[in-house]
Amino acid sequence: MAGNITVEIVTPEKVVVQEEAKIVMAPGELGEFGVLIGHTPFLTTLKLGSVKYEDAQGLERQVFISGGFAEARPDKVTILANSAERRRDIDLERARTALERAKKRLEREAREDIDFTRARAALERALHRMQLAESKRK
């Protein structure tokens, strides 16, 4: 089926993306999924990762998300993300700093009473953001 689907990525603070796409790929809790125009409607949870889509001009775009929900309809995919950041907007130095901070926090885990789950999540977010930001430089 030919045609474009609307992709909308929204956080509690703002609309990050709202444009036409040929295909949208997202990191579902049960695995990555893709949506084209005319897709059967569904709702699913998302895990940390990248939403990838091919825009109407055929360029690949990527947006970092830290979990949330996706609703697919035949003409639109809506991503409700805890946080989201376009690849081009990721500050690589800030991501590196966050990664180092998370590593140090995890190293202290054995000696101090810290929230291991929260520290591990911070590490995963920082690592994924850094990898995504570095990929735009290649």
N, C-alpha and C. Protein backbone atom coordinates (compact mmCIF):
# COMPACT_ATOMS: atom_id res chain seq x y z
N MET A 1 0.84 -1.17 0.00
CA MET A 1 0.00 0.00 0.00
C MET A 1 0.89 1.25 0.00
N ALA A 2 0.72 2.12 -0.96
CA ALA A 2 1.54 3.33 -1.07
C ALA A 2 0.93 4.45 -0.25
N GLY A 3 1.78 5.36 0.16
CA GLY A 3 1.31 6.51 0.92
C GLY A 3 2.11 6.71 2.18
N ASN A 4 1.89 7.82 2.82
CA ASN A 4 2.60 8.17 4.04
C ASN A 4 1.70 8.07 5.25
N ILE A 5 2.34 7.87 6.38
CA ILE A 5 1.65 7.80 7.66
C ILE A 5 2.18 8.96 8.51
N THR A 6 1.36 9.54 9.34
CA THR A 6 1.80 10.61 10.24
C THR A 6 2.48 9.98 11.45
N VAL A 7 3.65 10.50 11.81
CA VAL A 7 4.32 10.07 13.03
C VAL A 7 4.35 11.27 13.97
N GLU A 8 3.95 11.02 15.21
CA GLU A 8 3.94 12.06 16.23
C GLU A 8 4.61 11.49 17.47
N ILE A 9 5.65 12.18 17.94
CA ILE A 9 6.35 11.78 19.16
C ILE A 9 6.19 12.93 20.15
N VAL A 10 5.58 12.61 21.30
CA VAL A 10 5.20 13.62 22.28
C VAL A 10 5.74 13.23 23.65
N THR A 11 6.24 14.21 24.39
CA THR A 11 6.64 14.01 25.79
C THR A 11 5.68 14.84 26.64
N PRO A 12 5.75 14.72 27.96
CA PRO A 12 4.90 15.59 28.79
C PRO A 12 5.16 17.08 28.59
N GLU A 13 6.35 17.43 28.09
CA GLU A 13 6.71 18.83 27.91
C GLU A 13 6.44 19.40 26.53
N LYS A 14 6.53 18.56 25.48
CA LYS A 14 6.46 19.13 24.13
C LYS A 14 6.20 18.07 23.06
N VAL A 15 5.88 18.57 21.87
CA VAL A 15 5.80 17.72 20.68
C VAL A 15 7.20 17.73 20.07
N VAL A 16 7.82 16.55 19.98
CA VAL A 16 9.18 16.44 19.47
C VAL A 16 9.17 16.25 17.96
N VAL A 17 8.24 15.44 17.46
CA VAL A 17 8.13 15.17 16.02
C VAL A 17 6.66 15.15 15.65
N GLN A 18 6.35 15.75 14.52
CA GLN A 18 5.02 15.64 13.94
C GLN A 18 5.21 15.86 12.44
N GLU A 19 5.31 14.73 11.70
CA GLU A 19 5.54 14.82 10.26
C GLU A 19 5.09 13.54 9.57
N GLU A 20 5.15 13.56 8.25
CA GLU A 20 4.78 12.40 7.45
C GLU A 20 5.97 11.47 7.30
N ALA A 21 5.69 10.17 7.28
CA ALA A 21 6.75 9.17 7.15
C ALA A 21 6.27 8.04 6.25
N LYS A 22 7.23 7.36 5.64
CA LYS A 22 6.91 6.20 4.82
C LYS A 22 6.78 4.95 5.70
N ILE A 23 7.62 4.86 6.73
CA ILE A 23 7.59 3.75 7.67
C ILE A 23 8.10 4.24 9.02
N VAL A 24 7.57 3.66 10.09
CA VAL A 24 8.00 4.00 11.45
C VAL A 24 8.38 2.70 12.15
N MET A 25 9.57 2.66 12.76
CA MET A 25 10.05 1.51 13.52
C MET A 25 10.27 1.97 14.96
N ALA A 26 9.81 1.15 15.92
CA ALA A 26 9.92 1.55 17.32
C ALA A 26 10.30 0.36 18.20
N PRO A 27 10.94 0.62 19.35
CA PRO A 27 11.39 -0.44 20.26
C PRO A 27 10.30 -0.86 21.24
N GLY A 28 9.43 -1.77 20.84
CA GLY A 28 8.39 -2.27 21.72
C GLY A 28 8.97 -3.14 22.83
N GLU A 29 8.27 -3.24 23.93
CA GLU A 29 8.72 -4.10 25.04
C GLU A 29 8.95 -5.54 24.60
N LEU A 30 8.17 -6.00 23.63
CA LEU A 30 8.30 -7.38 23.15
C LEU A 30 9.12 -7.49 21.88
N GLY A 31 9.75 -6.41 21.47
CA GLY A 31 10.57 -6.40 20.28
C GLY A 31 10.25 -5.24 19.38
N GLU A 32 11.15 -4.96 18.46
CA GLU A 32 10.95 -3.84 17.54
C GLU A 32 9.80 -4.13 16.59
N PHE A 33 9.04 -3.11 16.26
CA PHE A 33 7.93 -3.27 15.33
C PHE A 33 7.96 -2.14 14.32
N GLY A 34 7.32 -2.38 13.18
CA GLY A 34 7.23 -1.39 12.13
C GLY A 34 5.79 -1.14 11.75
N VAL A 35 5.50 0.09 11.33
CA VAL A 35 4.15 0.48 10.96
C VAL A 35 4.20 1.21 9.61
N LEU A 36 3.35 0.78 8.70
CA LEU A 36 3.15 1.42 7.41
C LEU A 36 1.72 1.95 7.34
N ILE A 37 1.44 2.76 6.35
CA ILE A 37 0.08 3.25 6.15
C ILE A 37 -0.88 2.06 6.04
N GLY A 38 -2.04 2.16 6.66
CA GLY A 38 -3.04 1.10 6.61
C GLY A 38 -2.86 -0.01 7.64
N HIS A 39 -1.94 0.19 8.59
CA HIS A 39 -1.66 -0.84 9.60
C HIS A 39 -2.88 -1.08 10.49
N THR A 40 -3.01 -2.30 10.96
CA THR A 40 -4.05 -2.64 11.93
C THR A 40 -3.81 -1.87 13.22
N PRO A 41 -4.82 -1.29 13.82
CA PRO A 41 -4.64 -0.53 15.07
C PRO A 41 -4.15 -1.41 16.22
N PHE A 42 -3.26 -0.85 17.03
CA PHE A 42 -2.81 -1.52 18.26
C PHE A 42 -2.20 -0.50 19.20
N LEU A 43 -2.04 -0.92 20.45
CA LEU A 43 -1.44 -0.11 21.51
C LEU A 43 -0.41 -0.98 22.19
N THR A 44 0.79 -0.44 22.46
CA THR A 44 1.83 -1.23 23.10
C THR A 44 2.72 -0.35 23.96
N THR A 45 3.45 -0.98 24.86
CA THR A 45 4.44 -0.27 25.67
C THR A 45 5.77 -0.26 24.92
N LEU A 46 6.58 0.74 25.23
CA LEU A 46 7.87 0.91 24.59
C LEU A 46 8.99 0.83 25.62
N LYS A 47 10.14 0.37 25.18
CA LYS A 47 11.31 0.38 26.04
C LYS A 47 12.28 1.45 25.55
N LEU A 48 13.31 1.68 26.30
CA LEU A 48 14.34 2.62 25.93
C LEU A 48 14.93 2.23 24.58
N GLY A 49 15.14 3.19 23.72
CA GLY A 49 15.73 2.89 22.42
C GLY A 49 15.51 4.02 21.44
N SER A 50 15.56 3.67 20.17
CA SER A 50 15.40 4.65 19.10
C SER A 50 14.15 4.38 18.27
N VAL A 51 13.38 5.42 18.04
CA VAL A 51 12.32 5.36 17.05
C VAL A 51 12.97 5.79 15.75
N LYS A 52 12.86 4.94 14.73
CA LYS A 52 13.44 5.24 13.42
C LYS A 52 12.30 5.40 12.44
N TYR A 53 12.42 6.36 11.57
CA TYR A 53 11.41 6.50 10.54
C TYR A 53 12.05 7.07 9.28
N GLU A 54 11.45 6.74 8.17
CA GLU A 54 11.87 7.29 6.89
C GLU A 54 10.90 8.41 6.57
N ASP A 55 11.41 9.62 6.47
CA ASP A 55 10.51 10.75 6.24
C ASP A 55 9.96 10.73 4.81
N ALA A 56 9.08 11.66 4.50
CA ALA A 56 8.42 11.69 3.20
C ALA A 56 9.41 11.86 2.04
N GLN A 57 10.59 12.42 2.32
CA GLN A 57 11.61 12.59 1.28
C GLN A 57 12.55 11.39 1.19
N GLY A 58 12.34 10.39 2.05
CA GLY A 58 13.16 9.18 2.01
C GLY A 58 14.39 9.21 2.90
N LEU A 59 14.53 10.23 3.75
CA LEU A 59 15.67 10.32 4.66
C LEU A 59 15.38 9.59 5.96
N GLU A 60 16.37 8.85 6.48
CA GLU A 60 16.18 8.15 7.75
C GLU A 60 16.35 9.14 8.90
N ARG A 61 15.42 9.11 9.82
CA ARG A 61 15.46 9.95 11.02
C ARG A 61 15.43 9.04 12.24
N GLN A 62 16.05 9.50 13.33
CA GLN A 62 16.05 8.74 14.58
C GLN A 62 15.79 9.67 15.75
N VAL A 63 15.02 9.13 16.70
CA VAL A 63 14.69 9.88 17.91
C VAL A 63 14.91 8.95 19.10
N PHE A 64 15.71 9.38 20.06
CA PHE A 64 15.91 8.62 21.30
C PHE A 64 14.67 8.77 22.17
N ILE A 65 14.20 7.64 22.70
CA ILE A 65 13.10 7.69 23.68
C ILE A 65 13.50 6.85 24.90
N SER A 66 13.00 7.23 26.04
CA SER A 66 13.29 6.46 27.26
C SER A 66 12.04 5.75 27.76
N GLY A 67 11.37 5.09 26.83
CA GLY A 67 10.17 4.33 27.19
C GLY A 67 8.91 5.13 26.99
N GLY A 68 7.78 4.44 27.12
CA GLY A 68 6.50 5.09 26.96
C GLY A 68 5.48 4.15 26.33
N PHE A 69 4.62 4.72 25.48
CA PHE A 69 3.55 3.95 24.83
C PHE A 69 3.47 4.35 23.37
N ALA A 70 2.99 3.43 22.54
CA ALA A 70 2.75 3.72 21.13
C ALA A 70 1.34 3.30 20.77
N GLU A 71 0.68 4.15 20.01
CA GLU A 71 -0.62 3.81 19.45
C GLU A 71 -0.49 3.88 17.94
N ALA A 72 -0.78 2.76 17.28
CA ALA A 72 -0.76 2.71 15.82
C ALA A 72 -2.20 2.69 15.33
N ARG A 73 -2.46 3.54 14.36
CA ARG A 73 -3.75 3.56 13.66
C ARG A 73 -3.43 3.47 12.17
N PRO A 74 -4.41 3.21 11.34
CA PRO A 74 -4.13 3.06 9.91
C PRO A 74 -3.44 4.27 9.27
N ASP A 75 -3.64 5.47 9.83
CA ASP A 75 -3.08 6.68 9.23
C ASP A 75 -2.09 7.44 10.11
N LYS A 76 -1.83 6.92 11.35
CA LYS A 76 -0.99 7.68 12.29
C LYS A 76 -0.37 6.77 13.34
N VAL A 77 0.87 7.09 13.72
CA VAL A 77 1.54 6.46 14.86
C VAL A 77 1.82 7.56 15.87
N THR A 78 1.32 7.38 17.07
CA THR A 78 1.56 8.34 18.15
C THR A 78 2.43 7.67 19.20
N ILE A 79 3.56 8.30 19.51
CA ILE A 79 4.47 7.82 20.54
C ILE A 79 4.35 8.78 21.72
N LEU A 80 3.93 8.27 22.87
CA LEU A 80 3.89 9.04 24.11
C LEU A 80 5.10 8.60 24.92
N ALA A 81 6.14 9.40 24.90
CA ALA A 81 7.42 9.02 25.51
C ALA A 81 7.66 9.74 26.83
N ASN A 82 8.34 9.05 27.74
CA ASN A 82 8.75 9.68 28.99
C ASN A 82 9.67 10.86 28.70
N SER A 83 10.61 10.64 27.78
CA SER A 83 11.47 11.71 27.27
C SER A 83 11.85 11.32 25.84
N ALA A 84 12.15 12.31 25.03
CA ALA A 84 12.51 12.06 23.64
C ALA A 84 13.44 13.17 23.16
N GLU A 85 14.36 12.78 22.28
CA GLU A 85 15.34 13.73 21.77
C GLU A 85 15.74 13.31 20.37
N ARG A 86 15.59 14.21 19.41
CA ARG A 86 16.04 13.91 18.06
C ARG A 86 17.54 13.67 18.06
N ARG A 87 18.00 12.80 17.19
CA ARG A 87 19.43 12.48 17.14
C ARG A 87 20.25 13.76 16.96
N ARG A 88 19.80 14.66 16.09
CA ARG A 88 20.56 15.88 15.81
C ARG A 88 20.63 16.82 17.01
N ASP A 89 19.74 16.65 17.99
CA ASP A 89 19.70 17.53 19.15
C ASP A 89 20.46 17.00 20.36
N ILE A 90 20.97 15.77 20.26
CA ILE A 90 21.69 15.18 21.40
C ILE A 90 23.05 15.85 21.54
N ASP A 91 23.33 16.34 22.73
CA ASP A 91 24.62 16.94 23.05
C ASP A 91 25.56 15.82 23.46
N LEU A 92 26.54 15.51 22.61
CA LEU A 92 27.44 14.38 22.84
C LEU A 92 28.23 14.53 24.14
N GLU A 93 28.73 15.72 24.42
CA GLU A 93 29.49 15.93 25.66
C GLU A 93 28.62 15.71 26.89
N ARG A 94 27.38 16.20 26.84
CA ARG A 94 26.45 15.99 27.96
C ARG A 94 26.16 14.50 28.14
N ALA A 95 26.02 13.78 27.04
CA ALA A 95 25.78 12.34 27.11
C ALA A 95 26.99 11.62 27.71
N ARG A 96 28.19 12.02 27.32
CA ARG A 96 29.41 11.41 27.89
C ARG A 96 29.51 11.67 29.40
N THR A 97 29.20 12.89 29.79
CA THR A 97 29.23 13.25 31.22
C THR A 97 28.22 12.41 32.00
N ALA A 98 27.03 12.25 31.45
CA ALA A 98 25.99 11.45 32.12
C ALA A 98 26.43 9.98 32.21
N LEU A 99 27.08 9.49 31.18
CA LEU A 99 27.56 8.10 31.19
C LEU A 99 28.61 7.91 32.29
N GLU A 100 29.56 8.81 32.38
CA GLU A 100 30.59 8.71 33.42
C GLU A 100 29.98 8.80 34.82
N ARG A 101 29.04 9.71 34.99
CA ARG A 101 28.37 9.86 36.29
C ARG A 101 27.63 8.57 36.66
N ALA A 102 26.96 7.95 35.70
CA ALA A 102 26.22 6.71 35.96
C ALA A 102 27.18 5.57 36.29
N LYS A 103 28.30 5.50 35.60
CA LYS A 103 29.30 4.45 35.89
C LYS A 103 29.83 4.60 37.31
N LYS A 104 30.14 5.81 37.70
CA LYS A 104 30.65 6.05 39.06
C LYS A 104 29.61 5.67 40.11
N ARG A 105 28.36 5.99 39.84
CA ARG A 105 27.28 5.65 40.76
C ARG A 105 27.19 4.14 40.94
N LEU A 106 27.32 3.40 39.85
CA LEU A 106 27.24 1.94 39.91
C LEU A 106 28.46 1.34 40.61
N GLU A 107 29.62 1.97 40.46
CA GLU A 107 30.82 1.49 41.14
C GLU A 107 30.68 1.61 42.66
N ARG A 108 29.97 2.65 43.10
CA ARG A 108 29.75 2.88 44.53
C ARG A 108 28.70 1.94 45.11
N GLU A 109 27.93 1.29 44.25
CA GLU A 109 26.79 0.47 44.68
C GLU A 109 27.18 -0.54 45.75
N ALA A 110 28.33 -1.15 45.61
CA ALA A 110 28.74 -2.18 46.57
C ALA A 110 29.07 -1.57 47.94
N ARG A 111 29.47 -0.30 47.95
CA ARG A 111 29.90 0.32 49.20
C ARG A 111 28.83 1.17 49.86
N GLU A 112 27.86 1.63 49.10
CA GLU A 112 26.87 2.56 49.63
C GLU A 112 25.46 2.07 49.35
N ASP A 113 24.55 2.69 50.01
CA ASP A 113 23.14 2.37 49.81
C ASP A 113 22.58 3.28 48.71
N ILE A 114 22.65 2.79 47.46
CA ILE A 114 22.09 3.55 46.34
C ILE A 114 21.01 2.73 45.66
N ASP A 115 20.22 3.38 44.87
CA ASP A 115 19.16 2.72 44.12
C ASP A 115 19.79 2.13 42.85
N PHE A 116 20.10 0.85 42.89
CA PHE A 116 20.77 0.19 41.78
C PHE A 116 19.95 0.24 40.50
N THR A 117 18.66 0.02 40.59
CA THR A 117 17.79 0.03 39.41
C THR A 117 17.81 1.39 38.73
N ARG A 118 17.73 2.43 39.53
CA ARG A 118 17.76 3.79 38.98
C ARG A 118 19.12 4.11 38.36
N ALA A 119 20.19 3.70 39.01
CA ALA A 119 21.53 3.95 38.49
C ALA A 119 21.76 3.19 37.18
N ARG A 120 21.28 1.96 37.12
CA ARG A 120 21.41 1.16 35.90
C ARG A 120 20.62 1.78 34.75
N ALA A 121 19.42 2.28 35.03
CA ALA A 121 18.60 2.93 34.00
C ALA A 121 19.30 4.19 33.48
N ALA A 122 19.92 4.96 34.38
CA ALA A 122 20.64 6.16 33.97
C ALA A 122 21.82 5.79 33.06
N LEU A 123 22.50 4.71 33.39
CA LEU A 123 23.61 4.24 32.56
C LEU A 123 23.12 3.85 31.17
N GLU A 124 22.03 3.11 31.10
CA GLU A 124 21.49 2.68 29.81
C GLU A 124 21.05 3.88 28.96
N ARG A 125 20.39 4.86 29.58
CA ARG A 125 19.96 6.05 28.85
C ARG A 125 21.17 6.80 28.29
N ALA A 126 22.16 7.02 29.13
CA ALA A 126 23.34 7.77 28.71
C ALA A 126 24.09 7.04 27.60
N LEU A 127 24.23 5.74 27.73
CA LEU A 127 24.93 4.96 26.72
C LEU A 127 24.21 5.00 25.38
N HIS A 128 22.91 4.83 25.40
CA HIS A 128 22.15 4.84 24.16
C HIS A 128 22.18 6.23 23.50
N ARG A 129 22.02 7.28 24.28
CA ARG A 129 22.07 8.64 23.73
C ARG A 129 23.44 8.91 23.12
N MET A 130 24.51 8.48 23.80
CA MET A 130 25.85 8.71 23.28
C MET A 130 26.07 7.96 21.97
N GLN A 131 25.64 6.69 21.92
CA GLN A 131 25.79 5.91 20.69
C GLN A 131 25.01 6.54 19.55
N LEU A 132 23.81 6.99 19.82
CA LEU A 132 22.98 7.61 18.79
C LEU A 132 23.61 8.93 18.31
N ALA A 133 24.11 9.74 19.23
CA ALA A 133 24.74 11.00 18.86
C ALA A 133 26.00 10.77 18.04
N GLU A 134 26.79 9.76 18.40
CA GLU A 134 28.01 9.46 17.65
C GLU A 134 27.69 8.94 16.26
N SER A 135 26.56 8.26 16.09
CA SER A 135 26.22 7.69 14.80
C SER A 135 25.94 8.78 13.76
N LYS A 136 25.54 9.97 14.18
CA LYS A 136 25.26 11.04 13.23
C LYS A 136 26.55 11.64 12.68
N ARG A 137 27.68 11.38 13.33
CA ARG A 137 28.95 11.92 12.89
C ARG A 137 29.61 11.03 11.85
N LYS A 138 29.09 9.84 11.63
CA LYS A 138 29.71 8.91 10.69
C LYS A 138 29.17 9.10 9.29
